[in-house]
Amino acid sequence: MMVSLTVNREHRDIEIDPMRTLLEVLREDLHLTGAKERCGVGECGSCVVLLDGIPVTSCLVLAVDAAGCEIETAEGLAADGELTAVQQAFIGAGALQCGFCTPAMVVTATALVRSGAPPDPEIVKDALGGILCRCGTYPKVLDAVAQAMGGRS
């Protein structure tokens, strides 16, 4: 079936099997590999993308259900090659380890910063609570998100 998706501000018409997930289409058809395939059941959070500005686990969303929505992946956050405040904060705080969960953390933190939420550690922990990091970078991630929230851009 033909589906129209808007991914990272770019309109794309793509023919897909209606039972394929958004994660599969992003990674396999559109070659956007920031969202990671890990658990396949929405438990780890490594596949988070923004769907109309809301973080979702893309392994649980059918691609056909994303038609008509704005999809934003980690690859689409930086505009004109300029890193966002969140991306810069992650680098500055050393909140990067193996990189498996990092795109999902950055995407989720971006939604939080855009929401205008206060830089409250509990709000940040709650927002990132569904993303598992096996490297244990949580303290640095929390520092990075607080820094980005304090210096919103």
N, C-alpha and C. Protein backbone atom coordinates (compact mmCIF):
# COMPACT_ATOMS: atom_id res chain seq x y z
N MET A 1 0.84 -1.18 0.00
CA MET A 1 0.00 0.00 0.00
C MET A 1 0.88 1.23 0.00
N MET A 2 0.43 2.28 -0.64
CA MET A 2 1.18 3.54 -0.69
C MET A 2 0.80 4.38 0.53
N VAL A 3 1.81 4.94 1.18
CA VAL A 3 1.57 5.77 2.35
C VAL A 3 2.43 7.03 2.21
N SER A 4 1.88 8.15 2.67
CA SER A 4 2.60 9.42 2.66
C SER A 4 3.04 9.74 4.08
N LEU A 5 4.33 9.91 4.24
CA LEU A 5 4.89 10.23 5.55
C LEU A 5 5.67 11.53 5.46
N THR A 6 5.62 12.31 6.53
CA THR A 6 6.46 13.49 6.63
C THR A 6 7.49 13.19 7.71
N VAL A 7 8.73 13.01 7.27
CA VAL A 7 9.82 12.63 8.17
C VAL A 7 10.90 13.70 8.11
N ASN A 8 11.19 14.25 9.27
CA ASN A 8 12.22 15.30 9.38
C ASN A 8 11.96 16.42 8.37
N ARG A 9 10.72 16.86 8.36
CA ARG A 9 10.25 17.98 7.52
C ARG A 9 10.28 17.68 6.02
N GLU A 10 10.43 16.43 5.65
CA GLU A 10 10.46 16.05 4.24
C GLU A 10 9.32 15.08 3.94
N HIS A 11 8.53 15.41 2.92
CA HIS A 11 7.40 14.56 2.53
C HIS A 11 7.93 13.37 1.73
N ARG A 12 7.45 12.18 2.09
CA ARG A 12 7.88 10.97 1.40
C ARG A 12 6.69 10.08 1.12
N ASP A 13 6.57 9.65 -0.14
CA ASP A 13 5.57 8.65 -0.52
C ASP A 13 6.31 7.34 -0.64
N ILE A 14 5.80 6.33 0.06
CA ILE A 14 6.50 5.05 0.09
C ILE A 14 5.50 3.90 0.06
N GLU A 15 5.85 2.87 -0.67
CA GLU A 15 4.98 1.69 -0.74
C GLU A 15 5.45 0.71 0.33
N ILE A 16 4.52 0.32 1.20
CA ILE A 16 4.87 -0.57 2.31
C ILE A 16 3.78 -1.60 2.55
N ASP A 17 4.15 -2.64 3.25
CA ASP A 17 3.19 -3.61 3.77
C ASP A 17 2.50 -2.92 4.95
N PRO A 18 1.18 -2.93 5.03
CA PRO A 18 0.49 -2.20 6.09
C PRO A 18 0.76 -2.72 7.51
N MET A 19 1.40 -3.86 7.63
CA MET A 19 1.69 -4.41 8.95
C MET A 19 3.10 -4.07 9.44
N ARG A 20 3.84 -3.28 8.67
CA ARG A 20 5.19 -2.92 9.09
C ARG A 20 5.16 -1.77 10.08
N THR A 21 6.08 -1.82 11.02
CA THR A 21 6.14 -0.76 12.03
C THR A 21 6.85 0.46 11.48
N LEU A 22 6.60 1.56 12.16
CA LEU A 22 7.28 2.80 11.81
C LEU A 22 8.79 2.61 11.94
N LEU A 23 9.23 1.91 12.96
CA LEU A 23 10.66 1.66 13.15
C LEU A 23 11.24 0.93 11.95
N GLU A 24 10.58 -0.09 11.48
CA GLU A 24 11.07 -0.85 10.31
C GLU A 24 11.18 0.04 9.08
N VAL A 25 10.16 0.85 8.84
CA VAL A 25 10.17 1.71 7.66
C VAL A 25 11.26 2.77 7.78
N LEU A 26 11.41 3.37 8.95
CA LEU A 26 12.45 4.38 9.14
C LEU A 26 13.84 3.79 8.89
N ARG A 27 14.10 2.64 9.49
CA ARG A 27 15.44 2.04 9.40
C ARG A 27 15.70 1.38 8.04
N GLU A 28 14.77 0.58 7.58
CA GLU A 28 15.02 -0.24 6.40
C GLU A 28 14.74 0.47 5.08
N ASP A 29 13.71 1.28 5.03
CA ASP A 29 13.33 1.93 3.78
C ASP A 29 13.91 3.34 3.65
N LEU A 30 13.91 4.08 4.75
CA LEU A 30 14.37 5.46 4.71
C LEU A 30 15.81 5.62 5.19
N HIS A 31 16.40 4.54 5.68
CA HIS A 31 17.80 4.50 6.11
C HIS A 31 18.11 5.52 7.20
N LEU A 32 17.14 5.73 8.07
CA LEU A 32 17.30 6.58 9.25
C LEU A 32 17.50 5.65 10.44
N THR A 33 18.73 5.48 10.86
CA THR A 33 19.07 4.44 11.83
C THR A 33 19.27 4.95 13.26
N GLY A 34 18.89 6.20 13.52
CA GLY A 34 19.00 6.72 14.87
C GLY A 34 18.15 5.95 15.86
N ALA A 35 16.90 5.70 15.50
CA ALA A 35 16.03 4.88 16.34
C ALA A 35 16.51 3.44 16.24
N LYS A 36 16.74 2.81 17.38
CA LYS A 36 17.34 1.48 17.41
C LYS A 36 16.31 0.39 17.67
N GLU A 37 16.52 -0.75 17.03
CA GLU A 37 15.72 -1.96 17.29
C GLU A 37 16.40 -2.70 18.42
N ARG A 38 15.70 -2.88 19.52
CA ARG A 38 16.30 -3.56 20.67
C ARG A 38 15.36 -4.62 21.20
N CYS A 39 14.24 -4.21 21.79
CA CYS A 39 13.35 -5.20 22.41
C CYS A 39 12.18 -5.57 21.53
N GLY A 40 11.72 -4.66 20.70
CA GLY A 40 10.60 -4.94 19.80
C GLY A 40 9.23 -4.93 20.46
N VAL A 41 9.19 -4.62 21.75
CA VAL A 41 7.90 -4.63 22.46
C VAL A 41 7.65 -3.35 23.25
N GLY A 42 8.40 -2.30 22.97
CA GLY A 42 8.17 -1.01 23.61
C GLY A 42 8.65 -0.89 25.04
N GLU A 43 9.49 -1.80 25.48
CA GLU A 43 9.95 -1.79 26.87
C GLU A 43 11.24 -1.01 27.10
N CYS A 44 12.11 -0.93 26.08
CA CYS A 44 13.44 -0.36 26.30
C CYS A 44 13.53 1.12 25.94
N GLY A 45 12.70 1.58 25.03
CA GLY A 45 12.69 2.98 24.64
C GLY A 45 13.74 3.37 23.61
N SER A 46 14.54 2.45 23.15
CA SER A 46 15.62 2.78 22.20
C SER A 46 15.12 3.22 20.83
N CYS A 47 13.86 2.99 20.54
CA CYS A 47 13.32 3.32 19.22
C CYS A 47 12.48 4.60 19.23
N VAL A 48 12.60 5.41 20.27
CA VAL A 48 11.76 6.61 20.39
C VAL A 48 12.01 7.60 19.26
N VAL A 49 10.91 8.07 18.69
CA VAL A 49 10.90 9.17 17.73
C VAL A 49 9.78 10.11 18.17
N LEU A 50 9.72 11.28 17.57
CA LEU A 50 8.63 12.21 17.88
C LEU A 50 7.55 12.07 16.82
N LEU A 51 6.35 11.89 17.27
CA LEU A 51 5.18 11.80 16.40
C LEU A 51 4.29 12.98 16.78
N ASP A 52 4.23 13.97 15.89
CA ASP A 52 3.54 15.23 16.20
C ASP A 52 4.06 15.83 17.51
N GLY A 53 5.37 15.73 17.70
CA GLY A 53 6.03 16.34 18.85
C GLY A 53 6.01 15.52 20.12
N ILE A 54 5.35 14.36 20.10
CA ILE A 54 5.23 13.51 21.28
C ILE A 54 6.15 12.31 21.14
N PRO A 55 6.97 12.00 22.15
CA PRO A 55 7.82 10.81 22.07
C PRO A 55 6.98 9.53 22.05
N VAL A 56 7.26 8.66 21.07
CA VAL A 56 6.58 7.37 20.96
C VAL A 56 7.62 6.29 20.67
N THR A 57 7.31 5.08 21.10
CA THR A 57 8.16 3.94 20.75
C THR A 57 7.73 3.48 19.36
N SER A 58 8.61 3.70 18.40
CA SER A 58 8.25 3.46 17.01
C SER A 58 8.11 1.98 16.67
N CYS A 59 8.56 1.10 17.55
CA CYS A 59 8.37 -0.34 17.31
C CYS A 59 6.92 -0.75 17.55
N LEU A 60 6.15 0.11 18.19
CA LEU A 60 4.74 -0.20 18.49
C LEU A 60 3.76 0.57 17.61
N VAL A 61 4.26 1.40 16.71
CA VAL A 61 3.41 2.21 15.84
C VAL A 61 3.49 1.63 14.43
N LEU A 62 2.35 1.33 13.85
CA LEU A 62 2.35 0.92 12.45
C LEU A 62 2.64 2.14 11.60
N ALA A 63 3.45 1.96 10.58
CA ALA A 63 3.81 3.08 9.71
C ALA A 63 2.57 3.72 9.10
N VAL A 64 1.56 2.92 8.75
CA VAL A 64 0.34 3.49 8.15
C VAL A 64 -0.38 4.40 9.13
N ASP A 65 -0.24 4.15 10.42
CA ASP A 65 -0.88 5.00 11.42
C ASP A 65 -0.15 6.33 11.60
N ALA A 66 1.06 6.42 11.08
CA ALA A 66 1.83 7.66 11.17
C ALA A 66 1.59 8.57 9.97
N ALA A 67 0.83 8.10 9.00
CA ALA A 67 0.53 8.93 7.83
C ALA A 67 -0.23 10.17 8.29
N GLY A 68 0.17 11.31 7.76
CA GLY A 68 -0.47 12.57 8.13
C GLY A 68 0.11 13.21 9.38
N CYS A 69 1.05 12.54 10.03
CA CYS A 69 1.70 13.07 11.22
C CYS A 69 3.08 13.60 10.87
N GLU A 70 3.60 14.45 11.72
CA GLU A 70 4.97 14.92 11.60
C GLU A 70 5.84 13.95 12.39
N ILE A 71 6.76 13.29 11.71
CA ILE A 71 7.67 12.34 12.35
C ILE A 71 9.04 13.01 12.41
N GLU A 72 9.64 12.98 13.59
CA GLU A 72 10.97 13.57 13.73
C GLU A 72 11.88 12.54 14.40
N THR A 73 13.01 12.29 13.76
CA THR A 73 13.99 11.35 14.28
C THR A 73 15.22 12.12 14.76
N ALA A 74 16.13 11.41 15.39
CA ALA A 74 17.36 12.04 15.86
C ALA A 74 18.09 12.72 14.72
N GLU A 75 18.04 12.13 13.53
CA GLU A 75 18.73 12.70 12.38
C GLU A 75 18.16 14.05 11.96
N GLY A 76 16.91 14.31 12.29
CA GLY A 76 16.25 15.53 11.85
C GLY A 76 16.26 16.67 12.85
N LEU A 77 16.88 16.48 14.00
CA LEU A 77 16.84 17.53 15.03
C LEU A 77 17.67 18.76 14.66
N ALA A 78 18.87 18.53 14.19
CA ALA A 78 19.76 19.65 13.85
C ALA A 78 19.30 20.28 12.55
N ALA A 79 19.14 21.58 12.55
CA ALA A 79 18.74 22.30 11.34
C ALA A 79 19.97 22.93 10.70
N ASP A 80 20.10 22.75 9.43
CA ASP A 80 21.22 23.33 8.68
C ASP A 80 22.57 22.96 9.29
N GLY A 81 22.67 21.76 9.84
CA GLY A 81 23.93 21.28 10.39
C GLY A 81 24.32 21.85 11.74
N GLU A 82 23.45 22.68 12.31
CA GLU A 82 23.73 23.27 13.62
C GLU A 82 23.11 22.39 14.71
N LEU A 83 23.91 21.96 15.66
CA LEU A 83 23.40 21.14 16.74
C LEU A 83 22.42 21.94 17.60
N THR A 84 21.42 21.24 18.13
CA THR A 84 20.46 21.88 19.02
C THR A 84 21.09 22.05 20.40
N ALA A 85 20.41 22.81 21.24
CA ALA A 85 20.88 23.01 22.62
C ALA A 85 20.96 21.67 23.35
N VAL A 86 20.02 20.78 23.08
CA VAL A 86 20.04 19.46 23.73
C VAL A 86 21.24 18.66 23.26
N GLN A 87 21.47 18.63 21.97
CA GLN A 87 22.62 17.89 21.45
C GLN A 87 23.93 18.45 22.00
N GLN A 88 24.05 19.76 22.03
CA GLN A 88 25.26 20.38 22.58
C GLN A 88 25.43 20.05 24.06
N ALA A 89 24.33 20.05 24.80
CA ALA A 89 24.40 19.74 26.23
C ALA A 89 24.82 18.29 26.46
N PHE A 90 24.33 17.37 25.65
CA PHE A 90 24.73 15.96 25.78
C PHE A 90 26.23 15.82 25.55
N ILE A 91 26.75 16.52 24.57
CA ILE A 91 28.19 16.46 24.29
C ILE A 91 28.96 17.10 25.45
N GLY A 92 28.52 18.27 25.87
CA GLY A 92 29.20 19.00 26.94
C GLY A 92 29.23 18.25 28.26
N ALA A 93 28.16 17.51 28.56
CA ALA A 93 28.08 16.78 29.83
C ALA A 93 28.70 15.39 29.73
N GLY A 94 29.14 15.00 28.55
CA GLY A 94 29.69 13.65 28.38
C GLY A 94 28.62 12.59 28.55
N ALA A 95 27.40 12.90 28.12
CA ALA A 95 26.26 12.00 28.31
C ALA A 95 26.13 10.99 27.17
N LEU A 96 27.25 10.57 26.65
CA LEU A 96 27.27 9.62 25.54
C LEU A 96 28.15 8.44 25.93
N GLN A 97 27.65 7.25 25.70
CA GLN A 97 28.48 6.07 25.94
C GLN A 97 28.49 5.25 24.66
N CYS A 98 27.79 4.14 24.65
CA CYS A 98 27.81 3.28 23.46
C CYS A 98 26.98 3.87 22.32
N GLY A 99 26.05 4.75 22.63
CA GLY A 99 25.23 5.39 21.60
C GLY A 99 23.95 4.67 21.27
N PHE A 100 23.69 3.54 21.91
CA PHE A 100 22.48 2.79 21.57
C PHE A 100 21.21 3.51 22.03
N CYS A 101 21.21 4.01 23.24
CA CYS A 101 20.03 4.71 23.76
C CYS A 101 20.09 6.21 23.53
N THR A 102 21.28 6.71 23.18
CA THR A 102 21.49 8.16 23.08
C THR A 102 20.50 8.85 22.14
N PRO A 103 20.26 8.36 20.93
CA PRO A 103 19.30 9.06 20.07
C PRO A 103 17.92 9.19 20.71
N ALA A 104 17.45 8.13 21.35
CA ALA A 104 16.14 8.18 22.00
C ALA A 104 16.14 9.16 23.16
N MET A 105 17.22 9.20 23.92
CA MET A 105 17.32 10.15 25.03
C MET A 105 17.31 11.59 24.50
N VAL A 106 18.07 11.85 23.44
CA VAL A 106 18.13 13.20 22.87
C VAL A 106 16.78 13.60 22.30
N VAL A 107 16.11 12.69 21.60
CA VAL A 107 14.80 12.99 21.03
C VAL A 107 13.79 13.28 22.14
N THR A 108 13.78 12.46 23.17
CA THR A 108 12.85 12.64 24.28
C THR A 108 13.15 13.94 25.03
N ALA A 109 14.42 14.20 25.27
CA ALA A 109 14.81 15.45 25.95
C ALA A 109 14.42 16.67 25.12
N THR A 110 14.53 16.54 23.81
CA THR A 110 14.13 17.64 22.92
C THR A 110 12.65 17.96 23.10
N ALA A 111 11.82 16.93 23.14
CA ALA A 111 10.38 17.16 23.35
C ALA A 111 10.14 17.82 24.70
N LEU A 112 10.88 17.40 25.72
CA LEU A 112 10.71 17.99 27.05
C LEU A 112 11.11 19.46 27.05
N VAL A 113 12.23 19.78 26.44
CA VAL A 113 12.68 21.18 26.38
C VAL A 113 11.66 22.02 25.61
N ARG A 114 11.19 21.50 24.49
CA ARG A 114 10.20 22.23 23.68
C ARG A 114 8.89 22.45 24.43
N SER A 115 8.57 21.57 25.37
CA SER A 115 7.30 21.68 26.10
C SER A 115 7.27 22.87 27.04
N GLY A 116 8.46 23.38 27.38
CA GLY A 116 8.52 24.50 28.31
C GLY A 116 8.45 24.08 29.77
N ALA A 117 8.56 22.78 30.04
CA ALA A 117 8.52 22.29 31.42
C ALA A 117 9.66 22.90 32.22
N PRO A 118 9.44 23.11 33.52
CA PRO A 118 10.51 23.67 34.35
C PRO A 118 11.64 22.65 34.49
N PRO A 119 12.88 23.11 34.70
CA PRO A 119 14.02 22.20 34.81
C PRO A 119 14.06 21.49 36.16
N ASP A 120 13.02 20.75 36.45
CA ASP A 120 12.89 20.00 37.70
C ASP A 120 13.43 18.59 37.49
N PRO A 121 14.37 18.14 38.32
CA PRO A 121 14.96 16.81 38.15
C PRO A 121 13.93 15.68 38.10
N GLU A 122 12.85 15.80 38.85
CA GLU A 122 11.83 14.74 38.86
C GLU A 122 11.08 14.70 37.53
N ILE A 123 10.84 15.86 36.94
CA ILE A 123 10.18 15.92 35.63
C ILE A 123 11.07 15.29 34.58
N VAL A 124 12.36 15.59 34.64
CA VAL A 124 13.32 15.03 33.69
C VAL A 124 13.39 13.52 33.85
N LYS A 125 13.51 13.05 35.09
CA LYS A 125 13.57 11.60 35.34
C LYS A 125 12.31 10.91 34.83
N ASP A 126 11.17 11.52 35.06
CA ASP A 126 9.92 10.93 34.60
C ASP A 126 9.87 10.86 33.07
N ALA A 127 10.30 11.93 32.41
CA ALA A 127 10.26 11.97 30.95
C ALA A 127 11.17 10.92 30.34
N LEU A 128 12.33 10.70 30.95
CA LEU A 128 13.31 9.75 30.41
C LEU A 128 13.18 8.35 31.00
N GLY A 129 12.22 8.16 31.88
CA GLY A 129 12.08 6.91 32.61
C GLY A 129 11.85 5.68 31.77
N GLY A 130 11.35 5.83 30.57
CA GLY A 130 11.08 4.68 29.73
C GLY A 130 12.22 4.28 28.82
N ILE A 131 13.37 4.92 28.96
CA ILE A 131 14.51 4.61 28.09
C ILE A 131 15.61 3.96 28.94
N LEU A 132 15.91 2.72 28.63
CA LEU A 132 16.90 1.97 29.38
C LEU A 132 18.29 2.19 28.81
N CYS A 133 19.24 2.48 29.70
CA CYS A 133 20.64 2.67 29.32
C CYS A 133 21.46 1.61 30.05
N ARG A 134 22.03 0.72 29.30
CA ARG A 134 22.85 -0.34 29.91
C ARG A 134 24.21 0.17 30.36
N CYS A 135 24.63 1.31 29.85
CA CYS A 135 25.93 1.88 30.25
C CYS A 135 25.82 2.66 31.56
N GLY A 136 24.62 3.03 31.96
CA GLY A 136 24.42 3.73 33.22
C GLY A 136 24.81 5.20 33.19
N THR A 137 24.59 5.86 32.08
CA THR A 137 24.97 7.28 31.97
C THR A 137 23.92 8.22 32.55
N TYR A 138 22.97 7.71 33.28
CA TYR A 138 21.86 8.53 33.76
C TYR A 138 22.27 9.84 34.44
N PRO A 139 23.25 9.85 35.34
CA PRO A 139 23.60 11.13 35.98
C PRO A 139 24.04 12.19 34.96
N LYS A 140 24.83 11.78 33.99
CA LYS A 140 25.30 12.74 32.98
C LYS A 140 24.15 13.16 32.07
N VAL A 141 23.27 12.24 31.76
CA VAL A 141 22.09 12.58 30.94
C VAL A 141 21.22 13.59 31.67
N LEU A 142 20.98 13.36 32.96
CA LEU A 142 20.17 14.30 33.74
C LEU A 142 20.83 15.67 33.78
N ASP A 143 22.15 15.70 33.93
CA ASP A 143 22.86 16.98 33.91
C ASP A 143 22.69 17.66 32.56
N ALA A 144 22.82 16.91 31.48
CA ALA A 144 22.70 17.48 30.14
C ALA A 144 21.31 18.07 29.90
N VAL A 145 20.28 17.33 30.29
CA VAL A 145 18.92 17.80 30.06
C VAL A 145 18.64 19.04 30.92
N ALA A 146 19.09 19.04 32.16
CA ALA A 146 18.91 20.23 33.01
C ALA A 146 19.61 21.43 32.40
N GLN A 147 20.81 21.21 31.86
CA GLN A 147 21.55 22.30 31.22
C GLN A 147 20.77 22.83 30.01
N ALA A 148 20.24 21.92 29.18
CA ALA A 148 19.48 22.33 28.00
C ALA A 148 18.20 23.05 28.40
N MET A 149 17.55 22.61 29.46
CA MET A 149 16.32 23.25 29.92
C MET A 149 16.59 24.64 30.48
N GLY A 150 17.74 24.82 31.09
CA GLY A 150 18.11 26.12 31.64
C GLY A 150 18.49 27.12 30.57
N GLY A 151 19.01 26.63 29.46
CA GLY A 151 19.44 27.51 28.40
C GLY A 151 18.66 27.28 27.13
N ARG A 152 17.36 27.18 27.25
CA ARG A 152 16.49 26.90 26.08
C ARG A 152 16.82 27.79 24.90
N SER A 153 16.72 27.16 23.73
CA SER A 153 16.93 27.98 22.53
C SER A 153 15.91 27.63 21.47
